Amino acid sequence: MYSVEISKNAKKLLKKIQGQDAEIILNKINSIRENPFSYLKKLKGSKLWRLRVLKYRIIVDVIVSGRRIIVLRIGHRKSVY
């Protein structure tokens, strides 16, 4: 099982999201801890991954050797990349 860390920037962006959507995003982040690669898609030209939740995208870095998922950015799909 992977551990999940949320960066300060991602926490700040998460607070701006409407209440119920924020809960859904947090639940989805916690649900990928078992097998993250079945939910994530690799970003082209980068070592980062993305997770789709509703109209939002979550940009994460997965450290396999340390079994950690680091959430870097959370935002609307048109402005997060």
PDB file of N, CA and C in Angstrom:
ATOM      1  N   MET A   1       0.843  -1.173   0.000  1.00  0.00           N
ATOM      2  CA  MET A   1       0.000   0.000   0.000  1.00  0.00           C
ATOM      3  C   MET A   1       0.893   1.242   0.000  1.00  0.00           C
ATOM      4  N   TYR A   2       0.508   2.222  -0.787  1.00  0.00           N
ATOM      5  CA  TYR A   2       1.250   3.474  -0.896  1.00  0.00           C
ATOM      6  C   TYR A   2       0.741   4.477   0.135  1.00  0.00           C
ATOM      7  N   SER A   3       1.638   5.331   0.593  1.00  0.00           N
ATOM      8  CA  SER A   3       1.223   6.433   1.463  1.00  0.00           C
ATOM      9  C   SER A   3       0.983   7.659   0.586  1.00  0.00           C
ATOM     10  N   VAL A   4       0.090   8.520   1.011  1.00  0.00           N
ATOM     11  CA  VAL A   4      -0.277   9.701   0.231  1.00  0.00           C
ATOM     12  C   VAL A   4       0.144  10.954   0.989  1.00  0.00           C
ATOM     13  N   GLU A   5       0.835  11.844   0.277  1.00  0.00           N
ATOM     14  CA  GLU A   5       1.212  13.144   0.822  1.00  0.00           C
ATOM     15  C   GLU A   5       0.617  14.217  -0.088  1.00  0.00           C
ATOM     16  N   ILE A   6       0.050  15.241   0.505  1.00  0.00           N
ATOM     17  CA  ILE A   6      -0.536  16.339  -0.262  1.00  0.00           C
ATOM     18  C   ILE A   6       0.299  17.587  -0.007  1.00  0.00           C
ATOM     19  N   SER A   7       0.798  18.203  -1.080  1.00  0.00           N
ATOM     20  CA  SER A   7       1.645  19.386  -0.941  1.00  0.00           C
ATOM     21  C   SER A   7       0.841  20.578  -0.434  1.00  0.00           C
ATOM     22  N   LYS A   8       1.540  21.583   0.076  1.00  0.00           N
ATOM     23  CA  LYS A   8       0.873  22.789   0.578  1.00  0.00           C
ATOM     24  C   LYS A   8       0.076  23.469  -0.523  1.00  0.00           C
ATOM     25  N   ASN A   9       0.651  23.526  -1.717  1.00  0.00           N
ATOM     26  CA  ASN A   9      -0.018  24.153  -2.851  1.00  0.00           C
ATOM     27  C   ASN A   9      -1.309  23.411  -3.195  1.00  0.00           C
ATOM     28  N   ALA A  10      -1.266  22.086  -3.183  1.00  0.00           N
ATOM     29  CA  ALA A  10      -2.453  21.297  -3.495  1.00  0.00           C
ATOM     30  C   ALA A  10      -3.527  21.467  -2.424  1.00  0.00           C
ATOM     31  N   LYS A  11      -3.123  21.576  -1.155  1.00  0.00           N
ATOM     32  CA  LYS A  11      -4.095  21.792  -0.076  1.00  0.00           C
ATOM     33  C   LYS A  11      -4.796  23.136  -0.251  1.00  0.00           C
ATOM     34  N   LYS A  12      -4.025  24.150  -0.646  1.00  0.00           N
ATOM     35  CA  LYS A  12      -4.596  25.477  -0.848  1.00  0.00           C
ATOM     36  C   LYS A  12      -5.608  25.454  -1.999  1.00  0.00           C
ATOM     37  N   LEU A  13      -5.268  24.761  -3.076  1.00  0.00           N
ATOM     38  CA  LEU A  13      -6.180  24.665  -4.206  1.00  0.00           C
ATOM     39  C   LEU A  13      -7.415  23.837  -3.862  1.00  0.00           C
ATOM     40  N   LEU A  14      -7.253  22.828  -3.023  1.00  0.00           N
ATOM     41  CA  LEU A  14      -8.376  21.990  -2.623  1.00  0.00           C
ATOM     42  C   LEU A  14      -9.386  22.775  -1.790  1.00  0.00           C
ATOM     43  N   LYS A  15      -8.916  23.719  -0.989  1.00  0.00           N
ATOM     44  CA  LYS A  15      -9.820  24.530  -0.176  1.00  0.00           C
ATOM     45  C   LYS A  15     -10.718  25.423  -1.026  1.00  0.00           C
ATOM     46  N   LYS A  16     -10.278  25.753  -2.237  1.00  0.00           N
ATOM     47  CA  LYS A  16     -11.060  26.615  -3.118  1.00  0.00           C
ATOM     48  C   LYS A  16     -12.188  25.864  -3.828  1.00  0.00           C
ATOM     49  N   ILE A  17     -12.144  24.542  -3.811  1.00  0.00           N
ATOM     50  CA  ILE A  17     -13.135  23.718  -4.498  1.00  0.00           C
ATOM     51  C   ILE A  17     -14.363  23.557  -3.613  1.00  0.00           C
ATOM     52  N   GLN A  18     -15.531  23.520  -4.250  1.00  0.00           N
ATOM     53  CA  GLN A  18     -16.800  23.368  -3.538  1.00  0.00           C
ATOM     54  C   GLN A  18     -16.774  22.139  -2.626  1.00  0.00           C
ATOM     55  N   GLY A  19     -17.501  22.181  -1.514  1.00  0.00           N
ATOM     56  CA  GLY A  19     -17.484  21.178  -0.463  1.00  0.00           C
ATOM     57  C   GLY A  19     -17.614  19.735  -0.888  1.00  0.00           C
ATOM     58  N   GLN A  20     -18.674  19.398  -1.588  1.00  0.00           N
ATOM     59  CA  GLN A  20     -18.911  18.000  -1.938  1.00  0.00           C
ATOM     60  C   GLN A  20     -17.886  17.507  -2.963  1.00  0.00           C
ATOM     61  N   ASP A  21     -17.493  18.370  -3.895  1.00  0.00           N
ATOM     62  CA  ASP A  21     -16.472  17.981  -4.868  1.00  0.00           C
ATOM     63  C   ASP A  21     -15.143  17.709  -4.171  1.00  0.00           C
ATOM     64  N   ALA A  22     -14.813  18.502  -3.168  1.00  0.00           N
ATOM     65  CA  ALA A  22     -13.568  18.306  -2.427  1.00  0.00           C
ATOM     66  C   ALA A  22     -13.577  16.960  -1.700  1.00  0.00           C
ATOM     67  N   GLU A  23     -14.712  16.577  -1.141  1.00  0.00           N
ATOM     68  CA  GLU A  23     -14.827  15.273  -0.478  1.00  0.00           C
ATOM     69  C   GLU A  23     -14.623  14.135  -1.464  1.00  0.00           C
ATOM     70  N   ILE A  24     -15.214  14.258  -2.647  1.00  0.00           N
ATOM     71  CA  ILE A  24     -15.075  13.222  -3.673  1.00  0.00           C
ATOM     72  C   ILE A  24     -13.615  13.098  -4.098  1.00  0.00           C
ATOM     73  N   ILE A  25     -12.930  14.235  -4.249  1.00  0.00           N
ATOM     74  CA  ILE A  25     -11.517  14.226  -4.639  1.00  0.00           C
ATOM     75  C   ILE A  25     -10.676  13.533  -3.574  1.00  0.00           C
ATOM     76  N   LEU A  26     -10.896  13.865  -2.310  1.00  0.00           N
ATOM     77  CA  LEU A  26     -10.126  13.235  -1.236  1.00  0.00           C
ATOM     78  C   LEU A  26     -10.390  11.734  -1.148  1.00  0.00           C
ATOM     79  N   ASN A  27     -11.637  11.324  -1.340  1.00  0.00           N
ATOM     80  CA  ASN A  27     -11.959   9.899  -1.326  1.00  0.00           C
ATOM     81  C   ASN A  27     -11.265   9.166  -2.464  1.00  0.00           C
ATOM     82  N   LYS A  28     -11.219   9.793  -3.637  1.00  0.00           N
ATOM     83  CA  LYS A  28     -10.570   9.177  -4.790  1.00  0.00           C
ATOM     84  C   LYS A  28      -9.064   9.055  -4.566  1.00  0.00           C
ATOM     85  N   ILE A  29      -8.462  10.104  -3.991  1.00  0.00           N
ATOM     86  CA  ILE A  29      -7.024  10.051  -3.695  1.00  0.00           C
ATOM     87  C   ILE A  29      -6.723   8.910  -2.733  1.00  0.00           C
ATOM     88  N   ASN A  30      -7.546   8.734  -1.725  1.00  0.00           N
ATOM     89  CA  ASN A  30      -7.329   7.649  -0.759  1.00  0.00           C
ATOM     90  C   ASN A  30      -7.594   6.277  -1.359  1.00  0.00           C
ATOM     91  N   SER A  31      -8.483   6.201  -2.354  1.00  0.00           N
ATOM     92  CA  SER A  31      -8.807   4.899  -2.944  1.00  0.00           C
ATOM     93  C   SER A  31      -7.718   4.386  -3.881  1.00  0.00           C
ATOM     94  N   ILE A  32      -6.835   5.253  -4.375  1.00  0.00           N
ATOM     95  CA  ILE A  32      -5.796   4.785  -5.302  1.00  0.00           C
ATOM     96  C   ILE A  32      -4.572   4.244  -4.569  1.00  0.00           C
ATOM     97  N   ARG A  33      -4.603   4.232  -3.252  1.00  0.00           N
ATOM     98  CA  ARG A  33      -3.449   3.790  -2.468  1.00  0.00           C
ATOM     99  C   ARG A  33      -3.098   2.322  -2.699  1.00  0.00           C
ATOM    100  N   GLU A  34      -4.065   1.485  -2.969  1.00  0.00           N
ATOM    101  CA  GLU A  34      -3.823   0.056  -3.165  1.00  0.00           C
ATOM    102  C   GLU A  34      -3.071  -0.224  -4.462  1.00  0.00           C
ATOM    103  N   ASN A  35      -3.597   0.277  -5.570  1.00  0.00           N
ATOM    104  CA  ASN A  35      -3.011   0.026  -6.884  1.00  0.00           C
ATOM    105  C   ASN A  35      -3.110   1.308  -7.721  1.00  0.00           C
ATOM    106  N   PRO A  36      -2.194   2.251  -7.532  1.00  0.00           N
ATOM    107  CA  PRO A  36      -2.338   3.557  -8.182  1.00  0.00           C
ATOM    108  C   PRO A  36      -2.262   3.506  -9.698  1.00  0.00           C
ATOM    109  N   PHE A  37      -1.518   2.589 -10.271  1.00  0.00           N
ATOM    110  CA  PHE A  37      -1.302   2.616 -11.714  1.00  0.00           C
ATOM    111  C   PHE A  37      -2.514   2.160 -12.518  1.00  0.00           C
ATOM    112  N   SER A  38      -3.519   1.610 -11.860  1.00  0.00           N
ATOM    113  CA  SER A  38      -4.744   1.260 -12.583  1.00  0.00           C
ATOM    114  C   SER A  38      -5.647   2.486 -12.744  1.00  0.00           C
ATOM    115  N   TYR A  39      -5.396   3.559 -11.983  1.00  0.00           N
ATOM    116  CA  TYR A  39      -6.202   4.768 -12.050  1.00  0.00           C
ATOM    117  C   TYR A  39      -5.477   5.935 -12.705  1.00  0.00           C
ATOM    118  N   LEU A  40      -4.158   5.920 -12.688  1.00  0.00           N
ATOM    119  CA  LEU A  40      -3.374   7.058 -13.161  1.00  0.00           C
ATOM    120  C   LEU A  40      -2.998   6.908 -14.620  1.00  0.00           C
ATOM    121  N   LYS A  41      -2.798   8.060 -15.273  1.00  0.00           N
ATOM    122  CA  LYS A  41      -2.332   8.088 -16.649  1.00  0.00           C
ATOM    123  C   LYS A  41      -1.087   8.962 -16.695  1.00  0.00           C
ATOM    124  N   LYS A  42      -0.057   8.501 -17.381  1.00  0.00           N
ATOM    125  CA  LYS A  42       1.216   9.215 -17.473  1.00  0.00           C
ATOM    126  C   LYS A  42       1.058  10.465 -18.330  1.00  0.00           C
ATOM    127  N   LEU A  43       1.643  11.567 -17.871  1.00  0.00           N
ATOM    128  CA  LEU A  43       1.661  12.787 -18.663  1.00  0.00           C
ATOM    129  C   LEU A  43       2.802  12.705 -19.675  1.00  0.00           C
ATOM    130  N   LYS A  44       2.530  13.067 -20.907  1.00  0.00           N
ATOM    131  CA  LYS A  44       3.546  12.994 -21.961  1.00  0.00           C
ATOM    132  C   LYS A  44       4.670  13.975 -21.681  1.00  0.00           C
ATOM    133  N   GLY A  45       5.893  13.526 -21.855  1.00  0.00           N
ATOM    134  CA  GLY A  45       7.055  14.371 -21.690  1.00  0.00           C
ATOM    135  C   GLY A  45       7.365  14.732 -20.249  1.00  0.00           C
ATOM    136  N   SER A  46       6.848  13.964 -19.311  1.00  0.00           N
ATOM    137  CA  SER A  46       7.040  14.276 -17.902  1.00  0.00           C
ATOM    138  C   SER A  46       7.081  12.982 -17.096  1.00  0.00           C
ATOM    139  N   LYS A  47       7.595  13.068 -15.881  1.00  0.00           N
ATOM    140  CA  LYS A  47       7.592  11.898 -14.991  1.00  0.00           C
ATOM    141  C   LYS A  47       6.356  11.890 -14.102  1.00  0.00           C
ATOM    142  N   LEU A  48       5.460  12.850 -14.307  1.00  0.00           N
ATOM    143  CA  LEU A  48       4.272  12.990 -13.475  1.00  0.00           C
ATOM    144  C   LEU A  48       3.097  12.201 -14.050  1.00  0.00           C
ATOM    145  N   TRP A  49       2.079  12.022 -13.218  1.00  0.00           N
ATOM    146  CA  TRP A  49       0.877  11.274 -13.576  1.00  0.00           C
ATOM    147  C   TRP A  49      -0.336  12.145 -13.311  1.00  0.00           C
ATOM    148  N   ARG A  50      -1.460  11.811 -13.933  1.00  0.00           N
ATOM    149  CA  ARG A  50      -2.694  12.546 -13.686  1.00  0.00           C
ATOM    150  C   ARG A  50      -3.803  11.592 -13.294  1.00  0.00           C
ATOM    151  N   LEU A  51      -4.724  12.128 -12.502  1.00  0.00           N
ATOM    152  CA  LEU A  51      -5.898  11.391 -12.055  1.00  0.00           C
ATOM    153  C   LEU A  51      -7.113  12.239 -12.390  1.00  0.00           C
ATOM    154  N   ARG A  52      -8.102  11.664 -13.041  1.00  0.00           N
ATOM    155  CA  ARG A  52      -9.329  12.376 -13.390  1.00  0.00           C
ATOM    156  C   ARG A  52     -10.381  12.155 -12.308  1.00  0.00           C
ATOM    157  N   VAL A  53     -10.937  13.257 -11.804  1.00  0.00           N
ATOM    158  CA  VAL A  53     -12.033  13.193 -10.840  1.00  0.00           C
ATOM    159  C   VAL A  53     -13.001  14.306 -11.209  1.00  0.00           C
ATOM    160  N   LEU A  54     -14.204  13.920 -11.648  1.00  0.00           N
ATOM    161  CA  LEU A  54     -15.211  14.878 -12.087  1.00  0.00           C
ATOM    162  C   LEU A  54     -14.611  15.793 -13.148  1.00  0.00           C
ATOM    163  N   LYS A  55     -14.707  17.102 -12.968  1.00  0.00           N
ATOM    164  CA  LYS A  55     -14.141  18.049 -13.937  1.00  0.00           C
ATOM    165  C   LYS A  55     -12.762  18.537 -13.504  1.00  0.00           C
ATOM    166  N   TYR A  56     -12.163  17.857 -12.534  1.00  0.00           N
ATOM    167  CA  TYR A  56     -10.874  18.246 -11.981  1.00  0.00           C
ATOM    168  C   TYR A  56      -9.794  17.246 -12.362  1.00  0.00           C
ATOM    169  N   ARG A  57      -8.557  17.709 -12.342  1.00  0.00           N
ATOM    170  CA  ARG A  57      -7.415  16.839 -12.572  1.00  0.00           C
ATOM    171  C   ARG A  57      -6.457  16.987 -11.395  1.00  0.00           C
ATOM    172  N   ILE A  58      -5.886  15.872 -11.011  1.00  0.00           N
ATOM    173  CA  ILE A  58      -4.950  15.831  -9.899  1.00  0.00           C
ATOM    174  C   ILE A  58      -3.610  15.372 -10.473  1.00  0.00           C
ATOM    175  N   ILE A  59      -2.597  16.201 -10.321  1.00  0.00           N
ATOM    176  CA  ILE A  59      -1.268  15.881 -10.828  1.00  0.00           C
ATOM    177  C   ILE A  59      -0.464  15.308  -9.661  1.00  0.00           C
ATOM    178  N   VAL A  60       0.068  14.090  -9.865  1.00  0.00           N
ATOM    179  CA  VAL A  60       0.787  13.404  -8.795  1.00  0.00           C
ATOM    180  C   VAL A  60       2.140  12.912  -9.286  1.00  0.00           C
ATOM    181  N   ASP A  61       3.028  12.704  -8.329  1.00  0.00           N
ATOM    182  CA  ASP A  61       4.317  12.068  -8.569  1.00  0.00           C
ATOM    183  C   ASP A  61       4.309  10.780  -7.759  1.00  0.00           C
ATOM    184  N   VAL A  62       4.638   9.676  -8.403  1.00  0.00           N
ATOM    185  CA  VAL A  62       4.635   8.380  -7.728  1.00  0.00           C
ATOM    186  C   VAL A  62       6.082   7.934  -7.528  1.00  0.00           C
ATOM    187  N   ILE A  63       6.447   7.684  -6.289  1.00  0.00           N
ATOM    188  CA  ILE A  63       7.781   7.194  -5.961  1.00  0.00           C
ATOM    189  C   ILE A  63       7.623   5.722  -5.595  1.00  0.00           C
ATOM    190  N   VAL A  64       7.976   4.858  -6.541  1.00  0.00           N
ATOM    191  CA  VAL A  64       7.734   3.426  -6.385  1.00  0.00           C
ATOM    192  C   VAL A  64       8.624   2.842  -5.291  1.00  0.00           C
ATOM    193  N   SER A  65       9.894   3.229  -5.265  1.00  0.00           N
ATOM    194  CA  SER A  65      10.807   2.628  -4.286  1.00  0.00           C
ATOM    195  C   SER A  65      10.413   2.972  -2.845  1.00  0.00           C
ATOM    196  N   GLY A  66       9.872   4.175  -2.641  1.00  0.00           N
ATOM    197  CA  GLY A  66       9.443   4.576  -1.308  1.00  0.00           C
ATOM    198  C   GLY A  66       7.979   4.319  -1.053  1.00  0.00           C
ATOM    199  N   ARG A  67       7.283   3.822  -2.094  1.00  0.00           N
ATOM    200  CA  ARG A  67       5.847   3.536  -2.028  1.00  0.00           C
ATOM    201  C   ARG A  67       5.074   4.758  -1.530  1.00  0.00           C
ATOM    202  N   ARG A  68       5.306   5.900  -2.216  1.00  0.00           N
ATOM    203  CA  ARG A  68       4.642   7.153  -1.862  1.00  0.00           C
ATOM    204  C   ARG A  68       3.976   7.756  -3.095  1.00  0.00           C
ATOM    205  N   ILE A  69       2.853   8.405  -2.859  1.00  0.00           N
ATOM    206  CA  ILE A  69       2.167   9.194  -3.874  1.00  0.00           C
ATOM    207  C   ILE A  69       2.147  10.621  -3.351  1.00  0.00           C
ATOM    208  N   ILE A  70       2.717  11.544  -4.125  1.00  0.00           N
ATOM    209  CA  ILE A  70       2.768  12.941  -3.716  1.00  0.00           C
ATOM    210  C   ILE A  70       1.843  13.736  -4.624  1.00  0.00           C
ATOM    211  N   VAL A  71       0.813  14.340  -4.044  1.00  0.00           N
ATOM    212  CA  VAL A  71      -0.131  15.157  -4.802  1.00  0.00           C
ATOM    213  C   VAL A  71       0.481  16.548  -4.943  1.00  0.00           C
ATOM    214  N   LEU A  72       0.701  16.967  -6.192  1.00  0.00           N
ATOM    215  CA  LEU A  72       1.361  18.242  -6.442  1.00  0.00           C
ATOM    216  C   LEU A  72       0.380  19.365  -6.744  1.00  0.00           C
ATOM    217  N   ARG A  73      -0.609  19.087  -7.597  1.00  0.00           N
ATOM    218  CA  ARG A  73      -1.569  20.121  -7.999  1.00  0.00           C
ATOM    219  C   ARG A  73      -2.953  19.518  -8.123  1.00  0.00           C
ATOM    220  N   ILE A  74      -3.945  20.329  -7.811  1.00  0.00           N
ATOM    221  CA  ILE A  74      -5.343  19.970  -7.999  1.00  0.00           C
ATOM    222  C   ILE A  74      -6.004  21.176  -8.648  1.00  0.00           C
ATOM    223  N   GLY A  75      -6.743  20.952  -9.726  1.00  0.00           N
ATOM    224  CA  GLY A  75      -7.394  22.078 -10.359  1.00  0.00           C
ATOM    225  C   GLY A  75      -8.367  21.661 -11.440  1.00  0.00           C
ATOM    226  N   HIS A  76      -9.070  22.654 -11.972  1.00  0.00           N
ATOM    227  CA  HIS A  76     -10.009  22.413 -13.060  1.00  0.00           C
ATOM    228  C   HIS A  76      -9.236  21.933 -14.287  1.00  0.00           C
ATOM    229  N   ARG A  77      -9.840  21.084 -15.080  1.00  0.00           N
ATOM    230  CA  ARG A  77      -9.130  20.452 -16.184  1.00  0.00           C
ATOM    231  C   ARG A  77      -8.588  21.437 -17.204  1.00  0.00           C
ATOM    232  N   LYS A  78      -9.203  22.605 -17.355  1.00  0.00           N
ATOM    233  CA  LYS A  78      -8.712  23.540 -18.371  1.00  0.00           C
ATOM    234  C   LYS A  78      -7.528  24.378 -17.901  1.00  0.00           C
ATOM    235  N   SER A  79      -7.267  24.394 -16.593  1.00  0.00           N
ATOM    236  CA  SER A  79      -6.188  25.268 -16.118  1.00  0.00           C
ATOM    237  C   SER A  79      -5.100  24.556 -15.328  1.00  0.00           C
ATOM    238  N   VAL A  80      -5.208  23.266 -15.129  1.00  0.00           N
ATOM    239  CA  VAL A  80      -4.255  22.579 -14.253  1.00  0.00           C
ATOM    240  C   VAL A  80      -2.958  22.238 -14.971  1.00  0.00           C
ATOM    241  N   TYR A  81      -2.982  22.055 -16.267  1.00  0.00           N
ATOM    242  CA  TYR A  81      -1.767  21.662 -16.985  1.00  0.00           C
ATOM    243  C   TYR A  81      -0.965  22.880 -17.240  1.00  0.00           C
TER     244      TYR A  81
END
